[in-house]
Amino acid sequence: FKPPLLSAYRDYIKNLQRRDELHQILTQLKSKGYSIPEPHYKRYPTGFNEKMNHAYLSLHRSMFAYVISKPNKTFHSSAIVDKSFGIYEDMLDLQQWVYELTLHQKVYEKPSAF
């Protein structure tokens, strides 16, 4: 996340319900074989501590999931379309969660030159 979105992300996950939702989404994705990035930060940002449920989420500077697939027969056939749509469907909850986050981002306007 760029600084304004990182700030919005941290504000957004101060809400326990939102942290729980994100944690559940990530847990589901991991159970399906997807990976998520390792936490980037070592210290909890202001407003978070290790005693909070799912506080580890505040240590991330981005939020995504991915899967690495080796090229195989599926990759080199029309079946890749169905496989790709399956991945998109699996990612839908995370995509929706991040979209909701962006709706709560504060809009920073450039100061007027006048």
N, C-alpha and C. Protein backbone atom coordinates (compact mmCIF):
# COMPACT_ATOMS: atom_id res chain seq x y z
N PHE A 1 0.84 -1.19 0.00
CA PHE A 1 0.00 0.00 0.00
C PHE A 1 0.88 1.24 0.00
N LYS A 2 0.47 2.25 -0.71
CA LYS A 2 1.13 3.55 -0.61
C LYS A 2 0.69 4.16 0.73
N PRO A 3 1.44 5.13 1.26
CA PRO A 3 1.15 5.65 2.60
C PRO A 3 -0.31 5.99 2.89
N PRO A 4 -1.05 6.68 2.01
CA PRO A 4 -2.45 6.97 2.37
C PRO A 4 -3.30 5.71 2.52
N LEU A 5 -3.07 4.72 1.66
CA LEU A 5 -3.85 3.49 1.75
C LEU A 5 -3.39 2.64 2.94
N LEU A 6 -2.10 2.65 3.25
CA LEU A 6 -1.62 1.93 4.43
C LEU A 6 -2.26 2.51 5.69
N SER A 7 -2.34 3.82 5.75
CA SER A 7 -2.99 4.48 6.89
C SER A 7 -4.47 4.08 6.95
N ALA A 8 -5.14 4.09 5.81
CA ALA A 8 -6.56 3.69 5.76
C ALA A 8 -6.71 2.23 6.18
N TYR A 9 -5.81 1.37 5.72
CA TYR A 9 -5.84 -0.05 6.08
C TYR A 9 -5.74 -0.22 7.60
N ARG A 10 -4.79 0.46 8.20
CA ARG A 10 -4.62 0.34 9.65
C ARG A 10 -5.83 0.87 10.40
N ASP A 11 -6.38 1.98 9.96
CA ASP A 11 -7.60 2.50 10.58
C ASP A 11 -8.75 1.51 10.42
N TYR A 12 -8.84 0.94 9.25
CA TYR A 12 -9.93 0.02 8.92
C TYR A 12 -9.88 -1.23 9.79
N ILE A 13 -8.67 -1.76 10.02
CA ILE A 13 -8.58 -3.00 10.80
C ILE A 13 -8.51 -2.75 12.30
N LYS A 14 -8.61 -1.52 12.72
CA LYS A 14 -8.75 -1.28 14.17
C LYS A 14 -10.09 -1.83 14.65
N ASN A 15 -11.02 -1.99 13.72
CA ASN A 15 -12.32 -2.58 14.02
C ASN A 15 -12.14 -4.10 14.08
N LEU A 16 -12.47 -4.70 15.22
CA LEU A 16 -12.29 -6.14 15.42
C LEU A 16 -13.05 -6.97 14.40
N GLN A 17 -14.25 -6.56 14.06
CA GLN A 17 -15.04 -7.33 13.08
C GLN A 17 -14.33 -7.38 11.73
N ARG A 18 -13.75 -6.27 11.32
CA ARG A 18 -13.04 -6.24 10.04
C ARG A 18 -11.79 -7.10 10.08
N ARG A 19 -11.07 -7.07 11.22
CA ARG A 19 -9.90 -7.94 11.37
C ARG A 19 -10.32 -9.40 11.33
N ASP A 20 -11.40 -9.73 12.03
CA ASP A 20 -11.90 -11.11 12.03
C ASP A 20 -12.27 -11.55 10.61
N GLU A 21 -12.96 -10.67 9.88
CA GLU A 21 -13.35 -11.00 8.49
C GLU A 21 -12.11 -11.29 7.65
N LEU A 22 -11.12 -10.41 7.73
CA LEU A 22 -9.92 -10.58 6.93
C LEU A 22 -9.18 -11.85 7.34
N HIS A 23 -9.08 -12.09 8.62
CA HIS A 23 -8.41 -13.31 9.11
C HIS A 23 -9.12 -14.55 8.57
N GLN A 24 -10.44 -14.57 8.61
CA GLN A 24 -11.21 -15.72 8.10
C GLN A 24 -10.98 -15.91 6.60
N ILE A 25 -10.98 -14.82 5.86
CA ILE A 25 -10.75 -14.90 4.41
C ILE A 25 -9.38 -15.49 4.14
N LEU A 26 -8.37 -15.00 4.84
CA LEU A 26 -7.01 -15.50 4.63
C LEU A 26 -6.88 -16.95 5.04
N THR A 27 -7.53 -17.33 6.13
CA THR A 27 -7.51 -18.72 6.58
C THR A 27 -8.12 -19.64 5.53
N GLN A 28 -9.25 -19.21 4.96
CA GLN A 28 -9.89 -19.99 3.89
C GLN A 28 -8.97 -20.14 2.69
N LEU A 29 -8.38 -19.04 2.28
CA LEU A 29 -7.50 -19.09 1.11
C LEU A 29 -6.30 -20.00 1.37
N LYS A 30 -5.71 -19.90 2.55
CA LYS A 30 -4.57 -20.77 2.87
C LYS A 30 -4.98 -22.24 2.85
N SER A 31 -6.21 -22.53 3.32
CA SER A 31 -6.67 -23.93 3.32
C SER A 31 -6.86 -24.45 1.90
N LYS A 32 -7.00 -23.55 0.93
CA LYS A 32 -7.14 -23.94 -0.47
C LYS A 32 -5.80 -23.95 -1.20
N GLY A 33 -4.72 -23.69 -0.47
CA GLY A 33 -3.39 -23.75 -1.07
C GLY A 33 -2.81 -22.42 -1.51
N TYR A 34 -3.48 -21.32 -1.20
CA TYR A 34 -2.96 -20.01 -1.55
C TYR A 34 -1.98 -19.54 -0.48
N SER A 35 -1.11 -18.65 -0.87
CA SER A 35 -0.14 -18.06 0.06
C SER A 35 -0.49 -16.58 0.25
N ILE A 36 -0.07 -16.04 1.38
CA ILE A 36 -0.19 -14.60 1.62
C ILE A 36 1.21 -14.09 1.96
N PRO A 37 1.44 -12.81 1.76
CA PRO A 37 2.79 -12.30 2.05
C PRO A 37 3.10 -12.39 3.54
N GLU A 38 4.36 -12.50 3.83
CA GLU A 38 4.81 -12.47 5.22
C GLU A 38 4.66 -11.04 5.74
N PRO A 39 4.45 -10.88 7.05
CA PRO A 39 4.39 -9.52 7.60
C PRO A 39 5.68 -8.76 7.28
N HIS A 40 5.54 -7.50 6.97
CA HIS A 40 6.68 -6.68 6.61
C HIS A 40 7.30 -6.01 7.84
N TYR A 41 6.45 -5.56 8.75
CA TYR A 41 6.93 -4.82 9.91
C TYR A 41 7.14 -5.75 11.09
N LYS A 42 8.07 -5.38 11.96
CA LYS A 42 8.37 -6.19 13.14
C LYS A 42 7.65 -5.66 14.39
N ARG A 43 7.41 -4.35 14.43
CA ARG A 43 6.75 -3.74 15.58
C ARG A 43 5.32 -3.36 15.22
N TYR A 44 4.45 -3.51 16.20
CA TYR A 44 3.05 -3.15 15.97
C TYR A 44 2.92 -1.63 15.84
N PRO A 45 2.13 -1.18 14.88
CA PRO A 45 1.91 0.26 14.76
C PRO A 45 1.04 0.79 15.90
N THR A 46 1.00 2.08 16.04
CA THR A 46 0.18 2.72 17.07
C THR A 46 -1.25 2.21 16.99
N GLY A 47 -1.79 1.84 18.15
CA GLY A 47 -3.16 1.36 18.20
C GLY A 47 -3.29 -0.15 18.17
N PHE A 48 -2.16 -0.87 18.02
CA PHE A 48 -2.18 -2.33 17.97
C PHE A 48 -1.19 -2.90 18.97
N ASN A 49 -1.48 -4.10 19.46
CA ASN A 49 -0.54 -4.81 20.31
C ASN A 49 -0.78 -6.31 20.16
N GLU A 50 0.16 -7.09 20.65
CA GLU A 50 0.13 -8.55 20.47
C GLU A 50 -1.05 -9.22 21.16
N LYS A 51 -1.71 -8.54 22.08
CA LYS A 51 -2.83 -9.13 22.80
C LYS A 51 -4.15 -9.03 22.02
N MET A 52 -4.17 -8.22 21.00
CA MET A 52 -5.38 -8.04 20.19
C MET A 52 -5.57 -9.24 19.25
N ASN A 53 -6.81 -9.65 19.06
CA ASN A 53 -7.09 -10.73 18.11
C ASN A 53 -6.64 -10.33 16.72
N HIS A 54 -5.87 -11.19 16.10
CA HIS A 54 -5.41 -11.02 14.73
C HIS A 54 -4.62 -9.73 14.51
N ALA A 55 -3.92 -9.29 15.54
CA ALA A 55 -3.11 -8.08 15.42
C ALA A 55 -2.00 -8.23 14.39
N TYR A 56 -1.64 -9.48 14.07
CA TYR A 56 -0.60 -9.70 13.06
C TYR A 56 -0.94 -9.01 11.74
N LEU A 57 -2.21 -8.79 11.48
CA LEU A 57 -2.62 -8.14 10.24
C LEU A 57 -2.08 -6.72 10.13
N SER A 58 -1.85 -6.08 11.27
CA SER A 58 -1.34 -4.70 11.26
C SER A 58 0.14 -4.65 10.86
N LEU A 59 0.80 -5.78 10.83
CA LEU A 59 2.22 -5.83 10.46
C LEU A 59 2.44 -5.93 8.95
N HIS A 60 1.36 -6.05 8.22
CA HIS A 60 1.45 -6.15 6.76
C HIS A 60 1.44 -4.77 6.13
N ARG A 61 2.16 -4.62 5.03
CA ARG A 61 2.13 -3.36 4.30
C ARG A 61 1.37 -3.50 2.98
N SER A 62 0.83 -4.69 2.77
CA SER A 62 -0.01 -4.96 1.61
C SER A 62 -0.86 -6.18 1.94
N MET A 63 -1.90 -6.39 1.16
CA MET A 63 -2.75 -7.54 1.42
C MET A 63 -3.16 -8.17 0.10
N PHE A 64 -2.69 -9.38 -0.11
CA PHE A 64 -3.04 -10.13 -1.30
C PHE A 64 -2.79 -11.60 -1.03
N ALA A 65 -3.26 -12.42 -1.92
CA ALA A 65 -3.01 -13.86 -1.87
C ALA A 65 -2.57 -14.29 -3.26
N TYR A 66 -1.85 -15.37 -3.32
CA TYR A 66 -1.37 -15.84 -4.61
C TYR A 66 -1.16 -17.34 -4.59
N VAL A 67 -1.05 -17.88 -5.77
CA VAL A 67 -0.74 -19.29 -5.93
C VAL A 67 0.29 -19.39 -7.06
N ILE A 68 1.23 -20.26 -6.88
CA ILE A 68 2.24 -20.49 -7.91
C ILE A 68 1.95 -21.84 -8.55
N SER A 69 1.77 -21.80 -9.84
CA SER A 69 1.49 -23.04 -10.57
C SER A 69 2.56 -23.25 -11.63
N LYS A 70 3.05 -24.46 -11.69
CA LYS A 70 4.02 -24.79 -12.74
C LYS A 70 3.26 -25.03 -14.04
N PRO A 71 3.84 -24.61 -15.14
CA PRO A 71 3.20 -24.91 -16.41
C PRO A 71 3.04 -26.42 -16.60
N ASN A 72 1.85 -26.82 -16.99
CA ASN A 72 1.55 -28.23 -17.22
C ASN A 72 0.57 -28.33 -18.38
N LYS A 73 -0.05 -29.48 -18.56
CA LYS A 73 -1.00 -29.66 -19.67
C LYS A 73 -2.15 -28.67 -19.56
N THR A 74 -2.65 -28.44 -18.35
CA THR A 74 -3.75 -27.49 -18.16
C THR A 74 -3.32 -26.10 -18.58
N PHE A 75 -2.12 -25.72 -18.20
CA PHE A 75 -1.61 -24.39 -18.49
C PHE A 75 -1.55 -24.13 -20.00
N HIS A 76 -1.25 -25.17 -20.75
CA HIS A 76 -1.09 -25.04 -22.20
C HIS A 76 -2.33 -25.50 -22.96
N SER A 77 -3.49 -25.45 -22.32
CA SER A 77 -4.72 -25.85 -23.00
C SER A 77 -5.84 -24.86 -22.68
N SER A 78 -6.98 -25.06 -23.28
CA SER A 78 -8.11 -24.18 -23.01
C SER A 78 -8.64 -24.35 -21.58
N ALA A 79 -8.23 -25.41 -20.91
CA ALA A 79 -8.66 -25.63 -19.52
C ALA A 79 -8.10 -24.55 -18.58
N ILE A 80 -7.09 -23.81 -19.04
CA ILE A 80 -6.53 -22.74 -18.22
C ILE A 80 -7.57 -21.67 -17.93
N VAL A 81 -8.52 -21.50 -18.84
CA VAL A 81 -9.57 -20.50 -18.63
C VAL A 81 -10.39 -20.87 -17.40
N ASP A 82 -10.83 -22.12 -17.31
CA ASP A 82 -11.60 -22.57 -16.16
C ASP A 82 -10.78 -22.50 -14.87
N LYS A 83 -9.51 -22.88 -14.96
CA LYS A 83 -8.65 -22.81 -13.78
C LYS A 83 -8.50 -21.37 -13.31
N SER A 84 -8.32 -20.45 -14.25
CA SER A 84 -8.18 -19.03 -13.91
C SER A 84 -9.45 -18.49 -13.27
N PHE A 85 -10.60 -18.84 -13.83
CA PHE A 85 -11.86 -18.39 -13.24
C PHE A 85 -12.04 -18.97 -11.84
N GLY A 86 -11.59 -20.19 -11.62
CA GLY A 86 -11.65 -20.78 -10.28
C GLY A 86 -10.83 -19.98 -9.28
N ILE A 87 -9.66 -19.55 -9.71
CA ILE A 87 -8.81 -18.73 -8.85
C ILE A 87 -9.48 -17.40 -8.55
N TYR A 88 -10.05 -16.77 -9.58
CA TYR A 88 -10.74 -15.50 -9.38
C TYR A 88 -11.91 -15.67 -8.40
N GLU A 89 -12.64 -16.76 -8.54
CA GLU A 89 -13.76 -17.02 -7.62
C GLU A 89 -13.25 -17.20 -6.19
N ASP A 90 -12.16 -17.94 -6.04
CA ASP A 90 -11.58 -18.14 -4.71
C ASP A 90 -11.17 -16.81 -4.09
N MET A 91 -10.68 -15.89 -4.90
CA MET A 91 -10.17 -14.60 -4.42
C MET A 91 -11.26 -13.55 -4.21
N LEU A 92 -12.48 -13.85 -4.61
CA LEU A 92 -13.54 -12.84 -4.59
C LEU A 92 -13.74 -12.20 -3.22
N ASP A 93 -13.77 -13.00 -2.16
CA ASP A 93 -13.99 -12.42 -0.83
C ASP A 93 -12.87 -11.45 -0.44
N LEU A 94 -11.63 -11.80 -0.78
CA LEU A 94 -10.52 -10.89 -0.48
C LEU A 94 -10.62 -9.63 -1.34
N GLN A 95 -10.96 -9.80 -2.59
CA GLN A 95 -11.11 -8.64 -3.47
C GLN A 95 -12.20 -7.71 -2.94
N GLN A 96 -13.31 -8.28 -2.50
CA GLN A 96 -14.41 -7.47 -1.96
C GLN A 96 -13.96 -6.75 -0.69
N TRP A 97 -13.22 -7.44 0.16
CA TRP A 97 -12.77 -6.85 1.42
C TRP A 97 -11.86 -5.65 1.13
N VAL A 98 -10.92 -5.82 0.20
CA VAL A 98 -10.01 -4.73 -0.14
C VAL A 98 -10.77 -3.59 -0.82
N TYR A 99 -11.75 -3.92 -1.63
CA TYR A 99 -12.58 -2.89 -2.25
C TYR A 99 -13.29 -2.06 -1.17
N GLU A 100 -13.87 -2.73 -0.19
CA GLU A 100 -14.53 -2.01 0.92
C GLU A 100 -13.53 -1.11 1.63
N LEU A 101 -12.33 -1.60 1.83
CA LEU A 101 -11.27 -0.78 2.44
C LEU A 101 -11.06 0.49 1.64
N THR A 102 -10.98 0.38 0.32
CA THR A 102 -10.71 1.57 -0.50
C THR A 102 -11.84 2.57 -0.44
N LEU A 103 -13.06 2.11 -0.17
CA LEU A 103 -14.18 3.04 -0.03
C LEU A 103 -14.07 3.86 1.24
N HIS A 104 -13.32 3.38 2.22
CA HIS A 104 -13.16 4.09 3.49
C HIS A 104 -11.89 4.93 3.53
N GLN A 105 -11.13 4.90 2.43
CA GLN A 105 -9.90 5.69 2.38
C GLN A 105 -10.25 7.17 2.30
N LYS A 106 -9.58 7.95 3.10
CA LYS A 106 -9.78 9.40 3.07
C LYS A 106 -9.23 9.94 1.75
N VAL A 107 -9.92 10.87 1.21
CA VAL A 107 -9.48 11.49 -0.03
C VAL A 107 -8.58 12.67 0.33
N TYR A 108 -7.38 12.62 -0.17
CA TYR A 108 -6.43 13.70 0.07
C TYR A 108 -6.34 14.54 -1.18
N GLU A 109 -6.75 15.77 -1.08
CA GLU A 109 -6.73 16.66 -2.23
C GLU A 109 -5.43 17.47 -2.21
N LYS A 110 -4.96 17.78 -3.43
CA LYS A 110 -3.79 18.64 -3.53
C LYS A 110 -4.21 20.05 -3.15
N PRO A 111 -3.36 20.78 -2.44
CA PRO A 111 -3.70 22.17 -2.12
C PRO A 111 -3.86 22.99 -3.39
N SER A 112 -4.74 23.91 -3.34
CA SER A 112 -4.99 24.77 -4.47
C SER A 112 -3.77 25.66 -4.73
N ALA A 113 -3.50 25.91 -6.00
CA ALA A 113 -2.35 26.75 -6.36
C ALA A 113 -2.72 28.23 -6.27
N PHE A 114 -3.97 28.52 -6.01
CA PHE A 114 -4.40 29.92 -5.96
C PHE A 114 -4.24 30.51 -4.61
